[in-house]
């Protein structure tokens, strides 16, 4: 997978960059990232298709699967679940949440 910069954003006063994951052939890889500009290695907010969650939800609803996404924060060896979404979240969605764990850790 290759990450391509998509657009600059700001998490409050903290500059950030949205990335879109693509395959080597240029197709959508179903993974997005948001990295904050920090003094050290930045925490990374990543959203990806939640295939397992969609499967479980589909079984619960009699086979109807929706496009579910999960957002998580990767901060060194830790991964924290940030939220679940119906459909692909906008790159600006995590930035609009001022209580973001990633925003609290940035410098």
N, C-alpha and C. Protein backbone atom coordinates (compact mmCIF):
# COMPACT_ATOMS: atom_id res chain seq x y z
N UNK A 1 0.83 -1.16 0.00
CA UNK A 1 0.00 0.00 0.00
C UNK A 1 0.88 1.24 0.00
N UNK A 2 0.39 2.26 -0.66
CA UNK A 2 1.09 3.53 -0.76
C UNK A 2 0.17 4.61 -0.19
N UNK A 3 0.71 5.50 0.65
CA UNK A 3 -0.08 6.62 1.18
C UNK A 3 0.24 7.87 0.37
N UNK A 4 -0.81 8.52 -0.14
CA UNK A 4 -0.65 9.74 -0.91
C UNK A 4 -1.22 10.90 -0.10
N UNK A 5 -0.49 12.03 -0.02
CA UNK A 5 -1.03 13.18 0.71
C UNK A 5 -2.30 13.66 0.03
N UNK A 6 -3.32 13.95 0.84
CA UNK A 6 -4.60 14.38 0.27
C UNK A 6 -4.86 15.86 0.50
N UNK A 7 -4.73 16.32 1.76
CA UNK A 7 -4.95 17.74 2.04
C UNK A 7 -4.40 18.11 3.40
N UNK A 8 -3.90 19.34 3.53
CA UNK A 8 -3.47 19.82 4.84
C UNK A 8 -4.70 20.23 5.65
N UNK A 9 -4.65 19.99 6.96
CA UNK A 9 -5.74 20.31 7.87
C UNK A 9 -5.15 20.92 9.13
N UNK A 10 -6.01 21.29 10.04
CA UNK A 10 -5.54 21.76 11.35
C UNK A 10 -6.41 21.15 12.43
N UNK A 11 -5.80 20.56 13.44
CA UNK A 11 -6.49 20.03 14.61
C UNK A 11 -6.37 21.11 15.67
N UNK A 12 -7.32 22.03 15.69
CA UNK A 12 -7.18 23.22 16.54
C UNK A 12 -6.08 24.08 15.96
N UNK A 13 -5.03 24.30 16.72
CA UNK A 13 -3.89 25.08 16.24
C UNK A 13 -2.77 24.19 15.72
N UNK A 14 -2.98 22.89 15.72
CA UNK A 14 -1.94 21.93 15.33
C UNK A 14 -2.08 21.57 13.86
N UNK A 15 -1.06 21.82 13.04
CA UNK A 15 -1.16 21.44 11.63
C UNK A 15 -1.14 19.92 11.47
N UNK A 16 -1.91 19.45 10.51
CA UNK A 16 -2.02 18.01 10.25
C UNK A 16 -2.07 17.77 8.75
N UNK A 17 -1.88 16.53 8.34
CA UNK A 17 -1.92 16.16 6.93
C UNK A 17 -2.75 14.90 6.77
N UNK A 18 -3.75 14.95 5.87
CA UNK A 18 -4.59 13.79 5.56
C UNK A 18 -3.94 13.00 4.42
N UNK A 19 -3.94 11.67 4.55
CA UNK A 19 -3.35 10.77 3.56
C UNK A 19 -4.41 9.78 3.09
N UNK A 20 -4.36 9.37 1.82
CA UNK A 20 -5.26 8.34 1.28
C UNK A 20 -4.41 7.14 0.87
N UNK A 21 -4.80 5.96 1.32
CA UNK A 21 -4.09 4.74 0.96
C UNK A 21 -4.55 4.23 -0.40
N UNK A 22 -3.59 3.91 -1.26
CA UNK A 22 -3.90 3.35 -2.58
C UNK A 22 -3.04 2.11 -2.80
N UNK A 23 -3.51 1.24 -3.68
CA UNK A 23 -2.73 0.06 -4.04
C UNK A 23 -1.66 0.46 -5.06
N UNK A 24 -0.75 -0.44 -5.35
CA UNK A 24 0.30 -0.17 -6.34
C UNK A 24 -0.30 0.13 -7.72
N UNK A 25 -1.52 -0.38 -7.97
CA UNK A 25 -2.19 -0.14 -9.25
C UNK A 25 -2.95 1.18 -9.25
N UNK A 26 -3.01 1.87 -8.10
CA UNK A 26 -3.70 3.15 -8.01
C UNK A 26 -5.14 3.07 -7.53
N UNK A 27 -5.61 1.87 -7.18
CA UNK A 27 -6.99 1.72 -6.69
C UNK A 27 -7.06 2.09 -5.21
N UNK A 28 -8.24 2.45 -4.77
CA UNK A 28 -8.48 2.78 -3.37
C UNK A 28 -8.19 1.57 -2.49
N UNK A 29 -7.34 1.74 -1.47
CA UNK A 29 -6.98 0.63 -0.57
C UNK A 29 -7.91 0.56 0.63
N UNK A 30 -8.82 1.51 0.77
CA UNK A 30 -9.76 1.48 1.89
C UNK A 30 -9.14 1.84 3.22
N UNK A 31 -8.06 2.64 3.20
CA UNK A 31 -7.39 3.06 4.43
C UNK A 31 -6.99 4.53 4.27
N UNK A 32 -7.29 5.33 5.29
CA UNK A 32 -6.90 6.74 5.31
C UNK A 32 -6.11 6.99 6.58
N UNK A 33 -5.28 8.03 6.58
CA UNK A 33 -4.50 8.40 7.76
C UNK A 33 -4.53 9.90 7.95
N UNK A 34 -4.34 10.30 9.21
CA UNK A 34 -4.17 11.69 9.56
C UNK A 34 -2.96 11.76 10.46
N UNK A 35 -1.94 12.52 10.06
CA UNK A 35 -0.75 12.66 10.89
C UNK A 35 -0.64 14.11 11.34
N UNK A 36 -0.28 14.28 12.61
CA UNK A 36 -0.09 15.61 13.17
C UNK A 36 1.37 15.99 13.06
N UNK A 37 1.65 17.25 12.88
CA UNK A 37 3.02 17.74 12.86
C UNK A 37 3.47 17.84 14.32
N UNK A 38 4.49 17.08 14.69
CA UNK A 38 4.93 17.06 16.08
C UNK A 38 6.46 17.06 16.14
N UNK A 39 6.98 17.26 17.33
CA UNK A 39 8.43 17.30 17.51
C UNK A 39 9.06 15.91 17.39
N UNK A 40 8.34 14.89 17.81
CA UNK A 40 8.82 13.51 17.73
C UNK A 40 7.97 12.74 16.73
N UNK A 41 8.06 11.41 16.78
CA UNK A 41 7.20 10.61 15.90
C UNK A 41 5.73 10.93 16.20
N UNK A 42 4.96 11.27 15.18
CA UNK A 42 3.59 11.70 15.43
C UNK A 42 2.66 10.53 15.72
N UNK A 43 1.66 10.77 16.58
CA UNK A 43 0.59 9.77 16.68
C UNK A 43 -0.15 9.77 15.34
N UNK A 44 -0.65 8.64 14.93
CA UNK A 44 -1.32 8.51 13.63
C UNK A 44 -2.76 8.10 13.85
N UNK A 45 -3.70 8.88 13.33
CA UNK A 45 -5.09 8.49 13.34
C UNK A 45 -5.37 7.81 12.02
N UNK A 46 -5.82 6.57 12.06
CA UNK A 46 -6.05 5.80 10.84
C UNK A 46 -7.49 5.34 10.81
N UNK A 47 -8.15 5.45 9.67
CA UNK A 47 -9.48 4.88 9.49
C UNK A 47 -9.40 3.85 8.37
N UNK A 48 -10.10 2.74 8.58
CA UNK A 48 -10.06 1.65 7.61
C UNK A 48 -11.41 0.93 7.60
N UNK A 49 -11.68 0.24 6.52
CA UNK A 49 -12.90 -0.56 6.46
C UNK A 49 -12.89 -1.57 7.61
N UNK A 50 -14.01 -1.70 8.27
CA UNK A 50 -14.17 -2.65 9.37
C UNK A 50 -14.90 -3.87 8.84
N UNK A 51 -14.16 -4.73 8.15
CA UNK A 51 -14.77 -5.91 7.51
C UNK A 51 -15.41 -6.84 8.54
N UNK A 52 -14.75 -7.07 9.66
CA UNK A 52 -15.30 -7.96 10.69
C UNK A 52 -16.57 -7.35 11.30
N UNK A 53 -16.52 -6.08 11.63
CA UNK A 53 -17.70 -5.41 12.18
C UNK A 53 -18.87 -5.44 11.22
N UNK A 54 -18.61 -5.23 9.93
CA UNK A 54 -19.67 -5.26 8.92
C UNK A 54 -20.26 -6.66 8.80
N UNK A 55 -19.43 -7.68 8.90
CA UNK A 55 -19.89 -9.06 8.83
C UNK A 55 -20.79 -9.39 10.02
N UNK A 56 -20.35 -9.02 11.22
CA UNK A 56 -21.13 -9.27 12.44
C UNK A 56 -22.45 -8.51 12.37
N UNK A 57 -22.40 -7.24 11.98
CA UNK A 57 -23.61 -6.43 11.87
C UNK A 57 -24.56 -7.01 10.83
N UNK A 58 -24.01 -7.51 9.72
CA UNK A 58 -24.83 -8.13 8.68
C UNK A 58 -25.53 -9.37 9.19
N UNK A 59 -24.82 -10.21 9.96
CA UNK A 59 -25.43 -11.40 10.54
C UNK A 59 -26.55 -11.02 11.50
N UNK A 60 -26.33 -9.96 12.24
CA UNK A 60 -27.33 -9.50 13.21
C UNK A 60 -28.58 -8.97 12.52
N UNK A 61 -28.40 -8.38 11.34
CA UNK A 61 -29.51 -7.79 10.59
C UNK A 61 -30.02 -8.71 9.47
N UNK A 62 -29.70 -9.98 9.54
CA UNK A 62 -30.21 -10.91 8.54
C UNK A 62 -29.50 -10.87 7.21
N UNK A 63 -28.22 -10.55 7.21
CA UNK A 63 -27.41 -10.62 5.99
C UNK A 63 -27.15 -9.30 5.30
N UNK A 64 -27.84 -8.23 5.67
CA UNK A 64 -27.63 -6.93 5.02
C UNK A 64 -26.37 -6.28 5.58
N UNK A 65 -25.33 -6.20 4.75
CA UNK A 65 -24.06 -5.61 5.20
C UNK A 65 -23.98 -4.15 4.80
N UNK A 66 -23.52 -3.33 5.73
CA UNK A 66 -23.29 -1.92 5.44
C UNK A 66 -21.79 -1.68 5.38
N UNK A 67 -21.40 -0.53 4.88
CA UNK A 67 -19.97 -0.19 4.83
C UNK A 67 -19.60 0.46 6.16
N UNK A 68 -18.96 -0.31 7.01
CA UNK A 68 -18.54 0.17 8.32
C UNK A 68 -17.05 0.48 8.30
N UNK A 69 -16.67 1.53 9.02
CA UNK A 69 -15.27 1.93 9.13
C UNK A 69 -14.94 2.08 10.61
N UNK A 70 -13.70 1.82 10.95
CA UNK A 70 -13.22 2.01 12.32
C UNK A 70 -12.01 2.96 12.27
N UNK A 71 -11.98 3.88 13.22
CA UNK A 71 -10.85 4.81 13.33
C UNK A 71 -10.08 4.47 14.59
N UNK A 72 -8.76 4.46 14.49
CA UNK A 72 -7.91 4.14 15.64
C UNK A 72 -6.71 5.08 15.66
N UNK A 73 -6.18 5.26 16.85
CA UNK A 73 -4.99 6.09 17.02
C UNK A 73 -3.82 5.16 17.32
N UNK A 74 -2.78 5.24 16.49
CA UNK A 74 -1.56 4.48 16.72
C UNK A 74 -0.55 5.42 17.34
N UNK A 75 -0.17 5.10 18.57
CA UNK A 75 0.75 5.96 19.31
C UNK A 75 1.84 5.07 19.88
N UNK A 76 2.93 4.93 19.13
CA UNK A 76 3.99 4.01 19.55
C UNK A 76 3.45 2.59 19.54
N UNK A 77 3.64 1.84 20.63
CA UNK A 77 3.18 0.45 20.66
C UNK A 77 1.68 0.31 20.94
N UNK A 78 1.00 1.41 21.26
CA UNK A 78 -0.42 1.34 21.61
C UNK A 78 -1.31 1.68 20.42
N UNK A 79 -2.45 0.98 20.34
CA UNK A 79 -3.49 1.32 19.38
C UNK A 79 -4.78 1.51 20.17
N UNK A 80 -5.38 2.69 20.04
CA UNK A 80 -6.61 3.01 20.74
C UNK A 80 -7.74 3.16 19.72
N UNK A 81 -8.90 2.54 19.98
CA UNK A 81 -10.05 2.70 19.10
C UNK A 81 -10.61 4.09 19.32
N UNK A 82 -10.78 4.83 18.25
CA UNK A 82 -11.24 6.21 18.30
C UNK A 82 -12.73 6.31 18.03
N UNK A 83 -13.25 5.51 17.08
CA UNK A 83 -14.67 5.57 16.77
C UNK A 83 -15.05 4.63 15.64
N UNK A 84 -16.34 4.38 15.51
CA UNK A 84 -16.90 3.56 14.44
C UNK A 84 -17.80 4.44 13.59
N UNK A 85 -17.81 4.19 12.27
CA UNK A 85 -18.57 5.03 11.35
C UNK A 85 -19.34 4.16 10.37
N UNK A 86 -20.52 4.63 9.97
CA UNK A 86 -21.25 4.05 8.85
C UNK A 86 -20.76 4.79 7.62
N UNK A 87 -20.05 4.14 6.75
CA UNK A 87 -19.47 4.79 5.58
C UNK A 87 -18.12 5.42 5.91
N UNK A 88 -17.40 5.80 4.88
CA UNK A 88 -16.06 6.37 5.05
C UNK A 88 -16.13 7.75 5.68
N UNK A 89 -15.43 7.94 6.81
CA UNK A 89 -15.45 9.27 7.43
C UNK A 89 -14.62 10.27 6.62
N UNK A 90 -15.03 11.50 6.65
CA UNK A 90 -14.28 12.58 6.01
C UNK A 90 -12.95 12.75 6.73
N UNK A 91 -11.95 13.22 6.03
CA UNK A 91 -10.65 13.48 6.67
C UNK A 91 -10.81 14.52 7.77
N UNK A 92 -11.81 15.40 7.66
CA UNK A 92 -12.02 16.45 8.64
C UNK A 92 -12.78 15.96 9.88
N UNK A 93 -13.38 14.79 9.83
CA UNK A 93 -14.16 14.29 10.97
C UNK A 93 -13.32 14.19 12.23
N UNK A 94 -12.14 13.53 12.22
CA UNK A 94 -11.38 13.45 13.47
C UNK A 94 -10.87 14.79 13.95
N UNK A 95 -10.59 15.70 13.03
CA UNK A 95 -10.06 17.00 13.41
C UNK A 95 -11.12 17.81 14.14
N UNK A 96 -12.39 17.61 13.79
CA UNK A 96 -13.45 18.40 14.41
C UNK A 96 -13.71 17.98 15.85
N UNK A 97 -13.18 16.86 16.28
CA UNK A 97 -13.38 16.39 17.65
C UNK A 97 -12.21 16.88 18.49
N UNK A 98 -12.43 17.94 19.24
CA UNK A 98 -11.32 18.55 19.97
C UNK A 98 -10.78 17.65 21.07
N UNK A 99 -11.54 16.64 21.48
CA UNK A 99 -11.06 15.74 22.53
C UNK A 99 -10.23 14.59 21.98
N UNK A 100 -9.77 14.69 20.75
CA UNK A 100 -9.00 13.63 20.12
C UNK A 100 -7.77 13.27 20.92
N UNK A 101 -7.54 11.96 21.18
CA UNK A 101 -6.31 11.57 21.86
C UNK A 101 -5.07 12.02 21.09
N UNK A 102 -5.15 12.01 19.77
CA UNK A 102 -4.00 12.43 18.97
C UNK A 102 -3.70 13.90 19.20
N UNK A 103 -4.74 14.74 19.30
CA UNK A 103 -4.53 16.16 19.50
C UNK A 103 -3.92 16.43 20.88
N UNK A 104 -4.29 15.63 21.87
CA UNK A 104 -3.75 15.84 23.21
C UNK A 104 -2.26 15.50 23.28
N UNK A 105 -1.78 14.58 22.43
CA UNK A 105 -0.40 14.14 22.50
C UNK A 105 0.52 14.96 21.61
N UNK A 106 -0.01 15.77 20.73
CA UNK A 106 0.85 16.48 19.79
C UNK A 106 1.55 17.64 20.49
N UNK A 107 2.59 18.17 19.83
CA UNK A 107 3.39 19.26 20.42
C UNK A 107 3.24 20.51 19.57
